[in-house]
Amino acid sequence: MQSRTQLHVQAQVATEPESAQRIGILGGTFNPPHYGHLVIGEQVADKLNLDKVMFMPNAIPPHVDEKEAIDATDRVNMVRAAIHGNSRFDIELSEVMRGGKSYSFDTMEALTQQHPNNEYYFIIGGDEVAYLPTWHRISELMQLVHFVGVNRQGTPLETDYPVEWVQIPNLELSSTNIRERIANHQSVRYMIPDLVAAYIFEKGLYLNV
């Protein structure tokens, strides 16, 4: 039988609030994840002093070509492989677990309710900043997160929205190009992490792009 002291200690542990953390959210299809994604995560974490950067794969890629629509399970496994060894990186599975098409507002509303002490930094490419006016419930989303824009070559670093800009090295890498190179049996070494490459070739992914 547990003593009253033991029960009291357990109750304290159960009700102890989470410590506040500064969390970056980097969403995407990650089809596949490449070094460009990792550089974005590392540079933003370093310059904004974030505790974690959560890589958040979406459930359904925003395109209709079934040859490119790699299953979410494979994309999750590749993200895990890509971030392996970096203690400041982690994976956020809420959109994959929910399934279907996800809106950023719905995702971040749920995360802020689950972890009310965290401060969230939503990381997007400079090319996406121009489309913020079209985002679902963007005004409310702005109340939940800090938007962080990372520079993309050829995109202006300006917007009417409160976006914090972070300058990162320009790496001309794209998942589309990597898929094409794999399909054409061309080298992707130094474009994607070795563990990601090993997974792709083990599973025979992207050979029919």
C-alpha atoms as a PDB file:
ATOM      1  CA  MET A   1       0.000   0.000   0.000  1.00  0.00           C
ATOM      2  CA  GLN A   2       1.288   3.465  -0.922  1.00  0.00           C
ATOM      3  CA  SER A   3       1.807   5.982   1.830  1.00  0.00           C
ATOM      4  CA  ARG A   4       0.198   9.409   1.800  1.00  0.00           C
ATOM      5  CA  THR A   5       3.653  10.880   1.187  1.00  0.00           C
ATOM      6  CA  GLN A   6       4.156   8.747  -1.920  1.00  0.00           C
ATOM      7  CA  LEU A   7       0.737   9.700  -3.241  1.00  0.00           C
ATOM      8  CA  HIS A   8       1.447  13.366  -2.601  1.00  0.00           C
ATOM      9  CA  VAL A   9       4.746  13.182  -4.495  1.00  0.00           C
ATOM     10  CA  GLN A  10       3.058  11.421  -7.417  1.00  0.00           C
ATOM     11  CA  ALA A  11       0.348  14.052  -7.546  1.00  0.00           C
ATOM     12  CA  GLN A  12       2.964  16.795  -7.636  1.00  0.00           C
ATOM     13  CA  VAL A  13       4.753  15.109 -10.527  1.00  0.00           C
ATOM     14  CA  ALA A  14       1.526  14.560 -12.452  1.00  0.00           C
ATOM     15  CA  THR A  15       0.443  18.172 -12.185  1.00  0.00           C
ATOM     16  CA  GLU A  16       3.819  19.833 -12.672  1.00  0.00           C
ATOM     17  CA  PRO A  17       3.543  22.100 -15.731  1.00  0.00           C
ATOM     18  CA  GLU A  18       5.840  21.718 -18.729  1.00  0.00           C
ATOM     19  CA  SER A  19       8.797  24.055 -18.832  1.00  0.00           C
ATOM     20  CA  ALA A  20       8.527  26.787 -21.443  1.00  0.00           C
ATOM     21  CA  GLN A  21      10.453  26.141 -24.644  1.00  0.00           C
ATOM     22  CA  ARG A  22      11.109  28.025 -27.854  1.00  0.00           C
ATOM     23  CA  ILE A  23      10.082  25.611 -30.589  1.00  0.00           C
ATOM     24  CA  GLY A  24      10.607  25.984 -34.323  1.00  0.00           C
ATOM     25  CA  ILE A  25       8.138  24.280 -36.666  1.00  0.00           C
ATOM     26  CA  LEU A  26       9.403  23.431 -40.147  1.00  0.00           C
ATOM     27  CA  GLY A  27       6.627  21.858 -42.168  1.00  0.00           C
ATOM     28  CA  GLY A  28       6.785  20.316 -45.596  1.00  0.00           C
ATOM     29  CA  THR A  29       6.347  17.267 -47.750  1.00  0.00           C
ATOM     30  CA  PHE A  30      10.005  16.208 -47.319  1.00  0.00           C
ATOM     31  CA  ASN A  31       9.849  14.149 -50.488  1.00  0.00           C
ATOM     32  CA  PRO A  32      12.732  13.560 -49.815  1.00  0.00           C
ATOM     33  CA  PRO A  33      14.326  15.653 -47.037  1.00  0.00           C
ATOM     34  CA  HIS A  34      17.656  17.141 -48.098  1.00  0.00           C
ATOM     35  CA  TYR A  35      20.520  19.185 -46.698  1.00  0.00           C
ATOM     36  CA  GLY A  36      18.710  22.411 -47.534  1.00  0.00           C
ATOM     37  CA  HIS A  37      16.012  21.535 -44.995  1.00  0.00           C
ATOM     38  CA  LEU A  38      18.626  20.731 -42.359  1.00  0.00           C
ATOM     39  CA  VAL A  39      20.541  23.953 -42.942  1.00  0.00           C
ATOM     40  CA  ILE A  40      17.329  25.948 -42.528  1.00  0.00           C
ATOM     41  CA  GLY A  41      16.571  24.191 -39.242  1.00  0.00           C
ATOM     42  CA  GLU A  42      20.088  24.605 -37.875  1.00  0.00           C
ATOM     43  CA  GLN A  43      20.516  28.234 -38.894  1.00  0.00           C
ATOM     44  CA  VAL A  44      17.131  29.341 -37.547  1.00  0.00           C
ATOM     45  CA  ALA A  45      17.660  27.428 -34.293  1.00  0.00           C
ATOM     46  CA  ASP A  46      21.070  29.027 -33.844  1.00  0.00           C
ATOM     47  CA  LYS A  47      20.110  32.590 -34.721  1.00  0.00           C
ATOM     48  CA  LEU A  48      16.838  32.635 -32.758  1.00  0.00           C
ATOM     49  CA  ASN A  49      18.159  30.547 -29.850  1.00  0.00           C
ATOM     50  CA  LEU A  50      15.488  27.859 -30.210  1.00  0.00           C
ATOM     51  CA  ASP A  51      15.364  24.842 -27.920  1.00  0.00           C
ATOM     52  CA  LYS A  52      14.046  22.553 -30.658  1.00  0.00           C
ATOM     53  CA  VAL A  53      13.182  22.537 -34.325  1.00  0.00           C
ATOM     54  CA  MET A  54      10.365  20.119 -35.099  1.00  0.00           C
ATOM     55  CA  PHE A  55      10.253  18.831 -38.676  1.00  0.00           C
ATOM     56  CA  MET A  56       6.569  18.326 -39.493  1.00  0.00           C
ATOM     57  CA  PRO A  57       5.716  16.183 -42.551  1.00  0.00           C
ATOM     58  CA  ASN A  58       2.271  16.703 -44.009  1.00  0.00           C
ATOM     59  CA  ALA A  59      -0.112  13.814 -44.542  1.00  0.00           C
ATOM     60  CA  ILE A  60      -0.851  14.296 -48.235  1.00  0.00           C
ATOM     61  CA  PRO A  61       1.566  16.039 -50.615  1.00  0.00           C
ATOM     62  CA  PRO A  62       0.023  19.078 -52.338  1.00  0.00           C
ATOM     63  CA  HIS A  63       0.224  17.600 -55.829  1.00  0.00           C
ATOM     64  CA  VAL A  64      -1.721  15.025 -57.801  1.00  0.00           C
ATOM     65  CA  ASP A  65       0.997  12.987 -59.515  1.00  0.00           C
ATOM     66  CA  GLU A  66       0.735   9.602 -57.836  1.00  0.00           C
ATOM     67  CA  LYS A  67       4.288   8.733 -58.886  1.00  0.00           C
ATOM     68  CA  GLU A  68       5.532  11.573 -56.718  1.00  0.00           C
ATOM     69  CA  ALA A  69       3.086  11.061 -53.834  1.00  0.00           C
ATOM     70  CA  ILE A  70       5.357   8.915 -51.689  1.00  0.00           C
ATOM     71  CA  ASP A  71       3.549   7.365 -48.739  1.00  0.00           C
ATOM     72  CA  ALA A  72       3.669   9.367 -45.508  1.00  0.00           C
ATOM     73  CA  THR A  73       5.296   6.443 -43.682  1.00  0.00           C
ATOM     74  CA  ASP A  74       8.313   6.585 -46.000  1.00  0.00           C
ATOM     75  CA  ARG A  75       8.585  10.354 -45.683  1.00  0.00           C
ATOM     76  CA  VAL A  76       8.432  10.129 -41.884  1.00  0.00           C
ATOM     77  CA  ASN A  77      11.147   7.472 -41.871  1.00  0.00           C
ATOM     78  CA  MET A  78      13.326   9.621 -44.127  1.00  0.00           C
ATOM     79  CA  VAL A  79      12.898  12.649 -41.853  1.00  0.00           C
ATOM     80  CA  ARG A  80      13.908  10.511 -38.862  1.00  0.00           C
ATOM     81  CA  ALA A  81      16.991   9.398 -40.791  1.00  0.00           C
ATOM     82  CA  ALA A  82      17.819  12.958 -41.856  1.00  0.00           C
ATOM     83  CA  ILE A  83      17.723  14.442 -38.352  1.00  0.00           C
ATOM     84  CA  HIS A  84      19.490  11.517 -36.671  1.00  0.00           C
ATOM     85  CA  GLY A  85      22.318  12.694 -34.442  1.00  0.00           C
ATOM     86  CA  ASN A  86      21.137  16.281 -33.956  1.00  0.00           C
ATOM     87  CA  SER A  87      19.752  16.613 -30.429  1.00  0.00           C
ATOM     88  CA  ARG A  88      18.122  19.940 -31.281  1.00  0.00           C
ATOM     89  CA  PHE A  89      16.042  18.386 -34.075  1.00  0.00           C
ATOM     90  CA  ASP A  90      12.895  16.306 -33.618  1.00  0.00           C
ATOM     91  CA  ILE A  91       9.832  15.247 -35.591  1.00  0.00           C
ATOM     92  CA  GLU A  92       6.232  16.408 -35.165  1.00  0.00           C
ATOM     93  CA  LEU A  93       3.670  13.862 -36.375  1.00  0.00           C
ATOM     94  CA  SER A  94       0.397  15.637 -35.672  1.00  0.00           C
ATOM     95  CA  GLU A  95      -0.482  16.253 -39.334  1.00  0.00           C
ATOM     96  CA  VAL A  96       0.458  12.741 -40.412  1.00  0.00           C
ATOM     97  CA  MET A  97      -1.550  11.231 -37.552  1.00  0.00           C
ATOM     98  CA  ARG A  98      -4.558  13.404 -38.371  1.00  0.00           C
ATOM     99  CA  GLY A  99      -4.439  12.416 -42.027  1.00  0.00           C
ATOM    100  CA  GLY A 100      -5.952  14.221 -44.968  1.00  0.00           C
ATOM    101  CA  LYS A 101      -5.352  17.845 -45.806  1.00  0.00           C
ATOM    102  CA  SER A 102      -4.115  19.908 -42.882  1.00  0.00           C
ATOM    103  CA  TYR A 103      -4.335  23.639 -42.347  1.00  0.00           C
ATOM    104  CA  SER A 104      -1.525  25.247 -40.380  1.00  0.00           C
ATOM    105  CA  PHE A 105      -4.027  27.064 -38.181  1.00  0.00           C
ATOM    106  CA  ASP A 106      -5.674  23.806 -37.076  1.00  0.00           C
ATOM    107  CA  THR A 107      -2.303  22.197 -36.378  1.00  0.00           C
ATOM    108  CA  MET A 108      -0.891  25.091 -34.407  1.00  0.00           C
ATOM    109  CA  GLU A 109      -4.113  25.631 -32.480  1.00  0.00           C
ATOM    110  CA  ALA A 110      -3.932  22.016 -31.318  1.00  0.00           C
ATOM    111  CA  LEU A 111      -0.222  22.230 -30.447  1.00  0.00           C
ATOM    112  CA  THR A 112      -0.593  25.459 -28.472  1.00  0.00           C
ATOM    113  CA  GLN A 113      -3.475  23.932 -26.536  1.00  0.00           C
ATOM    114  CA  GLN A 114      -1.417  20.810 -25.757  1.00  0.00           C
ATOM    115  CA  HIS A 115       1.707  22.793 -24.823  1.00  0.00           C
ATOM    116  CA  PRO A 116       0.497  26.229 -23.670  1.00  0.00           C
ATOM    117  CA  ASN A 117       3.884  27.204 -22.200  1.00  0.00           C
ATOM    118  CA  ASN A 118       5.769  26.811 -25.467  1.00  0.00           C
ATOM    119  CA  GLU A 119       6.551  29.677 -27.803  1.00  0.00           C
ATOM    120  CA  TYR A 120       6.259  28.590 -31.431  1.00  0.00           C
ATOM    121  CA  TYR A 121       8.234  29.874 -34.421  1.00  0.00           C
ATOM    122  CA  PHE A 122       6.709  28.833 -37.736  1.00  0.00           C
ATOM    123  CA  ILE A 123       9.453  28.633 -40.375  1.00  0.00           C
ATOM    124  CA  ILE A 124       8.647  29.247 -44.042  1.00  0.00           C
ATOM    125  CA  GLY A 125      10.611  29.990 -47.183  1.00  0.00           C
ATOM    126  CA  GLY A 126      10.797  33.501 -48.534  1.00  0.00           C
ATOM    127  CA  ASP A 127       8.774  32.437 -51.570  1.00  0.00           C
ATOM    128  CA  GLU A 128       5.906  31.372 -49.291  1.00  0.00           C
ATOM    129  CA  VAL A 129       5.754  34.707 -47.479  1.00  0.00           C
ATOM    130  CA  ALA A 130       4.047  36.353 -50.451  1.00  0.00           C
ATOM    131  CA  TYR A 131       1.168  33.881 -50.171  1.00  0.00           C
ATOM    132  CA  LEU A 132       0.438  34.519 -46.483  1.00  0.00           C
ATOM    133  CA  PRO A 133      -2.686  36.582 -47.300  1.00  0.00           C
ATOM    134  CA  THR A 134      -4.231  33.432 -48.803  1.00  0.00           C
ATOM    135  CA  TRP A 135      -3.552  31.184 -45.800  1.00  0.00           C
ATOM    136  CA  HIS A 136      -6.504  29.759 -43.910  1.00  0.00           C
ATOM    137  CA  ARG A 137      -7.362  31.960 -40.899  1.00  0.00           C
ATOM    138  CA  ILE A 138      -4.044  33.757 -41.220  1.00  0.00           C
ATOM    139  CA  SER A 139      -4.905  36.573 -38.772  1.00  0.00           C
ATOM    140  CA  GLU A 140      -5.687  34.037 -36.041  1.00  0.00           C
ATOM    141  CA  LEU A 141      -2.626  31.968 -36.903  1.00  0.00           C
ATOM    142  CA  MET A 142      -0.478  35.064 -36.418  1.00  0.00           C
ATOM    143  CA  GLN A 143      -1.752  35.214 -32.838  1.00  0.00           C
ATOM    144  CA  LEU A 144      -0.528  31.660 -32.177  1.00  0.00           C
ATOM    145  CA  VAL A 145       2.976  31.711 -33.686  1.00  0.00           C
ATOM    146  CA  HIS A 146       5.877  33.908 -34.667  1.00  0.00           C
ATOM    147  CA  PHE A 147       6.462  33.632 -38.403  1.00  0.00           C
ATOM    148  CA  VAL A 148      10.084  33.210 -39.487  1.00  0.00           C
ATOM    149  CA  GLY A 149      11.002  33.755 -43.131  1.00  0.00           C
ATOM    150  CA  VAL A 150      14.213  32.361 -44.603  1.00  0.00           C
ATOM    151  CA  ASN A 151      15.670  33.953 -47.707  1.00  0.00           C
ATOM    152  CA  ARG A 152      15.233  32.333 -51.086  1.00  0.00           C
ATOM    153  CA  GLN A 153      17.173  33.570 -54.083  1.00  0.00           C
ATOM    154  CA  GLY A 154      15.091  35.959 -56.147  1.00  0.00           C
ATOM    155  CA  THR A 155      12.412  36.626 -53.518  1.00  0.00           C
ATOM    156  CA  PRO A 156      12.085  40.028 -51.817  1.00  0.00           C
ATOM    157  CA  LEU A 157      12.553  40.170 -48.039  1.00  0.00           C
ATOM    158  CA  GLU A 158       9.496  42.291 -47.399  1.00  0.00           C
ATOM    159  CA  THR A 159       5.886  41.798 -46.319  1.00  0.00           C
ATOM    160  CA  ASP A 160       3.125  43.617 -44.501  1.00  0.00           C
ATOM    161  CA  TYR A 161       2.950  40.743 -42.022  1.00  0.00           C
ATOM    162  CA  PRO A 162       5.102  40.541 -38.861  1.00  0.00           C
ATOM    163  CA  VAL A 163       7.708  38.116 -40.206  1.00  0.00           C
ATOM    164  CA  GLU A 164      11.160  37.767 -38.647  1.00  0.00           C
ATOM    165  CA  TRP A 165      13.730  37.177 -41.367  1.00  0.00           C
ATOM    166  CA  VAL A 166      16.714  34.864 -40.999  1.00  0.00           C
ATOM    167  CA  GLN A 167      19.486  34.897 -43.570  1.00  0.00           C
ATOM    168  CA  ILE A 168      20.775  31.445 -44.483  1.00  0.00           C
ATOM    169  CA  PRO A 169      23.313  30.213 -47.049  1.00  0.00           C
ATOM    170  CA  ASN A 170      21.717  29.800 -50.471  1.00  0.00           C
ATOM    171  CA  LEU A 171      21.742  26.084 -51.263  1.00  0.00           C
ATOM    172  CA  GLU A 172      20.257  25.364 -54.669  1.00  0.00           C
ATOM    173  CA  LEU A 173      18.668  22.083 -53.655  1.00  0.00           C
ATOM    174  CA  SER A 174      15.151  20.890 -54.408  1.00  0.00           C
ATOM    175  CA  SER A 175      13.343  17.645 -53.716  1.00  0.00           C
ATOM    176  CA  THR A 176      12.006  17.674 -57.297  1.00  0.00           C
ATOM    177  CA  ASN A 177      15.505  17.745 -58.754  1.00  0.00           C
ATOM    178  CA  ILE A 178      16.695  15.049 -56.357  1.00  0.00           C
ATOM    179  CA  ARG A 179      13.815  12.757 -57.374  1.00  0.00           C
ATOM    180  CA  GLU A 180      14.656  13.316 -61.038  1.00  0.00           C
ATOM    181  CA  ARG A 181      18.320  12.557 -60.464  1.00  0.00           C
ATOM    182  CA  ILE A 182      17.477   9.315 -58.665  1.00  0.00           C
ATOM    183  CA  ALA A 183      15.126   8.288 -61.477  1.00  0.00           C
ATOM    184  CA  ASN A 184      17.938   8.940 -63.979  1.00  0.00           C
ATOM    185  CA  HIS A 185      20.457   7.007 -61.837  1.00  0.00           C
ATOM    186  CA  GLN A 186      22.532  10.129 -61.193  1.00  0.00           C
ATOM    187  CA  SER A 187      24.458  10.788 -57.997  1.00  0.00           C
ATOM    188  CA  VAL A 188      22.710  12.597 -55.132  1.00  0.00           C
ATOM    189  CA  ARG A 189      25.675  12.344 -52.805  1.00  0.00           C
ATOM    190  CA  TYR A 190      26.150  15.503 -50.691  1.00  0.00           C
ATOM    191  CA  MET A 191      22.587  16.535 -51.583  1.00  0.00           C
ATOM    192  CA  ILE A 192      20.853  14.280 -49.062  1.00  0.00           C
ATOM    193  CA  PRO A 193      22.169  12.647 -45.870  1.00  0.00           C
ATOM    194  CA  ASP A 194      23.675   9.188 -46.320  1.00  0.00           C
ATOM    195  CA  LEU A 195      21.014   7.588 -44.109  1.00  0.00           C
ATOM    196  CA  VAL A 196      18.281   9.073 -46.295  1.00  0.00           C
ATOM    197  CA  ALA A 197      20.011   7.843 -49.431  1.00  0.00           C
ATOM    198  CA  ALA A 198      20.341   4.362 -47.938  1.00  0.00           C
ATOM    199  CA  TYR A 199      16.621   4.281 -47.148  1.00  0.00           C
ATOM    200  CA  ILE A 200      15.653   5.463 -50.630  1.00  0.00           C
ATOM    201  CA  PHE A 201      17.743   2.845 -52.372  1.00  0.00           C
ATOM    202  CA  GLU A 202      16.713   0.081 -49.967  1.00  0.00           C
ATOM    203  CA  LYS A 203      13.043   0.804 -50.683  1.00  0.00           C
ATOM    204  CA  GLY A 204      13.523   1.544 -54.378  1.00  0.00           C
ATOM    205  CA  LEU A 205      11.858   4.956 -54.105  1.00  0.00           C
ATOM    206  CA  TYR A 206      11.617   7.521 -56.937  1.00  0.00           C
ATOM    207  CA  LEU A 207      12.702   5.170 -59.688  1.00  0.00           C
ATOM    208  CA  ASN A 208       9.582   5.826 -61.769  1.00  0.00           C
ATOM    209  CA  VAL A 209       9.407   9.638 -61.632  1.00  0.00           C
END
